[in-house]
N, C-alpha and C. Protein backbone atom coordinates (compact mmCIF):
# COMPACT_ATOMS: atom_id res chain seq x y z
N UNK A 1 97.62 113.03 106.62
CA UNK A 1 98.93 112.48 106.33
C UNK A 1 99.14 112.45 104.80
N UNK A 2 100.34 112.75 104.38
CA UNK A 2 100.70 112.72 102.96
C UNK A 2 101.55 111.48 102.70
N UNK A 3 101.16 110.68 101.71
CA UNK A 3 101.88 109.45 101.37
C UNK A 3 102.80 109.68 100.18
N UNK A 4 103.98 109.09 100.23
CA UNK A 4 104.99 109.29 99.19
C UNK A 4 104.96 108.12 98.20
N UNK A 5 103.96 108.12 97.33
CA UNK A 5 103.84 107.04 96.35
C UNK A 5 104.94 107.10 95.30
N UNK A 6 105.47 108.28 95.05
CA UNK A 6 106.54 108.43 94.07
C UNK A 6 107.77 107.59 94.48
N UNK A 7 108.05 107.56 95.78
CA UNK A 7 109.19 106.78 96.28
C UNK A 7 109.01 105.31 95.91
N UNK A 8 107.82 104.78 96.12
CA UNK A 8 107.56 103.37 95.80
C UNK A 8 107.57 103.14 94.29
N UNK A 9 107.07 104.12 93.56
CA UNK A 9 107.05 104.03 92.10
C UNK A 9 108.48 103.92 91.55
N UNK A 10 109.36 104.78 92.03
CA UNK A 10 110.75 104.75 91.55
C UNK A 10 111.47 103.47 92.00
N UNK A 11 111.19 103.02 93.23
CA UNK A 11 111.78 101.77 93.68
C UNK A 11 111.34 100.62 92.77
N UNK A 12 110.07 100.62 92.38
CA UNK A 12 109.55 99.57 91.52
C UNK A 12 110.16 99.63 90.12
N UNK A 13 110.29 100.83 89.58
CA UNK A 13 110.90 101.00 88.25
C UNK A 13 112.33 100.47 88.26
N UNK A 14 113.05 100.70 89.35
CA UNK A 14 114.45 100.31 89.44
C UNK A 14 114.68 98.91 90.00
N UNK A 15 113.60 98.20 90.27
CA UNK A 15 113.73 96.84 90.81
C UNK A 15 114.44 95.95 89.79
N UNK A 16 115.34 95.14 90.29
CA UNK A 16 116.14 94.28 89.41
C UNK A 16 115.38 93.01 89.01
N UNK A 17 114.44 92.59 89.85
CA UNK A 17 113.73 91.33 89.59
C UNK A 17 112.24 91.49 89.86
N UNK A 18 111.46 90.54 89.36
CA UNK A 18 110.03 90.53 89.65
C UNK A 18 109.79 90.32 91.14
N UNK A 19 110.65 89.54 91.78
CA UNK A 19 110.51 89.29 93.21
C UNK A 19 110.72 90.58 94.01
N UNK A 20 111.70 91.36 93.59
CA UNK A 20 111.95 92.65 94.27
C UNK A 20 110.74 93.57 94.09
N UNK A 21 110.19 93.59 92.89
CA UNK A 21 109.01 94.41 92.61
C UNK A 21 107.82 93.94 93.46
N UNK A 22 107.66 92.63 93.57
CA UNK A 22 106.57 92.07 94.39
C UNK A 22 106.74 92.46 95.86
N UNK A 23 107.99 92.48 96.34
CA UNK A 23 108.25 92.87 97.73
C UNK A 23 107.89 94.33 97.96
N UNK A 24 108.14 95.18 96.99
CA UNK A 24 107.79 96.61 97.08
C UNK A 24 106.27 96.76 97.12
N UNK A 25 105.57 96.01 96.27
CA UNK A 25 104.10 96.05 96.27
C UNK A 25 103.55 95.55 97.60
N UNK A 26 104.18 94.51 98.16
CA UNK A 26 103.74 93.99 99.45
C UNK A 26 103.96 95.01 100.55
N UNK A 27 105.04 95.76 100.45
CA UNK A 27 105.31 96.81 101.44
C UNK A 27 104.17 97.83 101.45
N UNK A 28 103.71 98.22 100.26
CA UNK A 28 102.58 99.15 100.17
C UNK A 28 101.31 98.53 100.73
N UNK A 29 101.07 97.26 100.42
CA UNK A 29 99.87 96.57 100.93
C UNK A 29 99.92 96.49 102.45
N UNK A 30 101.10 96.21 102.99
CA UNK A 30 101.26 96.13 104.44
C UNK A 30 101.01 97.49 105.08
N UNK A 31 101.51 98.55 104.44
CA UNK A 31 101.28 99.89 104.96
C UNK A 31 99.78 100.17 105.01
N UNK A 32 99.08 99.86 103.92
CA UNK A 32 97.64 100.07 103.85
C UNK A 32 96.94 99.26 104.95
N UNK A 33 97.34 98.00 105.11
CA UNK A 33 96.72 97.13 106.10
C UNK A 33 96.92 97.62 107.53
N UNK A 34 98.01 98.34 107.77
CA UNK A 34 98.29 98.82 109.12
C UNK A 34 97.56 100.12 109.46
N UNK A 35 96.95 100.74 108.45
CA UNK A 35 96.27 102.01 108.68
C UNK A 35 94.95 101.81 109.40
N UNK A 36 94.56 102.77 110.24
CA UNK A 36 93.21 102.72 110.80
C UNK A 36 92.20 102.93 109.66
N UNK A 37 91.02 102.37 109.82
CA UNK A 37 90.00 102.48 108.76
C UNK A 37 89.73 103.93 108.37
N UNK A 38 89.84 104.83 109.32
CA UNK A 38 89.58 106.24 109.03
C UNK A 38 90.61 106.83 108.07
N UNK A 39 91.80 106.24 107.98
CA UNK A 39 92.87 106.77 107.12
C UNK A 39 92.91 106.08 105.76
N UNK A 40 92.29 104.90 105.64
CA UNK A 40 92.36 104.14 104.39
C UNK A 40 91.72 104.88 103.22
N UNK A 41 90.64 105.60 103.47
CA UNK A 41 89.98 106.35 102.41
C UNK A 41 90.92 107.43 101.85
N UNK A 42 91.64 108.12 102.73
CA UNK A 42 92.58 109.16 102.29
C UNK A 42 93.75 108.54 101.54
N UNK A 43 94.25 107.41 102.01
CA UNK A 43 95.31 106.69 101.31
C UNK A 43 94.86 106.38 99.88
N UNK A 44 93.67 105.81 99.74
CA UNK A 44 93.15 105.47 98.42
C UNK A 44 92.97 106.70 97.54
N UNK A 45 92.49 107.79 98.12
CA UNK A 45 92.31 109.02 97.34
C UNK A 45 93.65 109.52 96.81
N UNK A 46 94.66 109.57 97.69
CA UNK A 46 95.97 110.04 97.27
C UNK A 46 96.58 109.11 96.22
N UNK A 47 96.38 107.81 96.39
CA UNK A 47 96.90 106.85 95.42
C UNK A 47 96.25 107.06 94.05
N UNK A 48 94.95 107.26 94.02
CA UNK A 48 94.25 107.48 92.75
C UNK A 48 94.73 108.77 92.07
N UNK A 49 94.94 109.82 92.85
CA UNK A 49 95.46 111.08 92.30
C UNK A 49 96.85 110.86 91.72
N UNK A 50 97.71 110.15 92.45
CA UNK A 50 99.06 109.89 91.98
C UNK A 50 99.02 109.09 90.67
N UNK A 51 98.21 108.02 90.65
CA UNK A 51 98.13 107.18 89.45
C UNK A 51 97.59 107.96 88.25
N UNK A 52 96.59 108.79 88.46
CA UNK A 52 96.04 109.59 87.36
C UNK A 52 97.09 110.55 86.80
N UNK A 53 97.83 111.20 87.69
CA UNK A 53 98.88 112.12 87.24
C UNK A 53 99.98 111.37 86.51
N UNK A 54 100.38 110.21 87.04
CA UNK A 54 101.46 109.43 86.44
C UNK A 54 101.03 108.90 85.07
N UNK A 55 99.81 108.44 84.95
CA UNK A 55 99.32 107.94 83.66
C UNK A 55 99.23 109.09 82.65
N UNK A 56 98.82 110.25 83.10
CA UNK A 56 98.78 111.42 82.21
C UNK A 56 100.17 111.80 81.74
N UNK A 57 101.14 111.73 82.63
CA UNK A 57 102.52 112.04 82.26
C UNK A 57 103.04 111.03 81.25
N UNK A 58 102.78 109.76 81.50
CA UNK A 58 103.24 108.71 80.58
C UNK A 58 102.59 108.87 79.21
N UNK A 59 101.30 109.20 79.18
CA UNK A 59 100.60 109.40 77.91
C UNK A 59 101.23 110.56 77.15
N UNK A 60 101.52 111.65 77.86
CA UNK A 60 102.13 112.81 77.24
C UNK A 60 103.51 112.48 76.68
N UNK A 61 104.30 111.73 77.47
CA UNK A 61 105.63 111.32 77.01
C UNK A 61 105.52 110.43 75.78
N UNK A 62 104.58 109.49 75.79
CA UNK A 62 104.39 108.57 74.66
C UNK A 62 103.99 109.35 73.42
N UNK A 63 103.07 110.29 73.57
CA UNK A 63 102.60 111.06 72.40
C UNK A 63 103.71 111.92 71.83
N UNK A 64 104.58 112.47 72.68
CA UNK A 64 105.67 113.29 72.14
C UNK A 64 106.70 112.41 71.42
N UNK A 65 106.95 111.23 71.93
CA UNK A 65 107.87 110.30 71.24
C UNK A 65 107.23 109.82 69.94
N UNK A 66 105.98 109.44 70.00
CA UNK A 66 105.26 108.97 68.82
C UNK A 66 105.22 110.06 67.74
N UNK A 67 104.98 111.29 68.17
CA UNK A 67 104.94 112.41 67.23
C UNK A 67 106.29 112.65 66.59
N UNK A 68 107.35 112.40 67.30
CA UNK A 68 108.71 112.59 66.78
C UNK A 68 109.10 111.51 65.79
N UNK A 69 108.39 110.39 65.81
CA UNK A 69 108.73 109.29 64.90
C UNK A 69 108.05 109.44 63.55
N UNK A 70 107.08 110.33 63.43
CA UNK A 70 106.36 110.49 62.17
C UNK A 70 105.36 109.37 61.98
N UNK A 71 104.70 109.36 60.86
CA UNK A 71 103.71 108.33 60.54
C UNK A 71 104.40 107.14 59.91
N UNK A 72 104.47 106.06 60.62
CA UNK A 72 105.10 104.83 60.10
C UNK A 72 104.05 103.84 59.73
């Protein structure tokens, strides 16, 4: 099964309040809790891959913005 972590990520980014963000996080936790034990390992693997890619993208974006600002 393929999990759509990007959907939850965008929902969290666009959340209007901390409570809304917490509800989105709880939705993910509930999804994980409902999985059979045999699927939880794959869920975690896909989540780690998504987070690593997202962090790499954010780092790249930050470095390009930082580079555009010059040495301050």
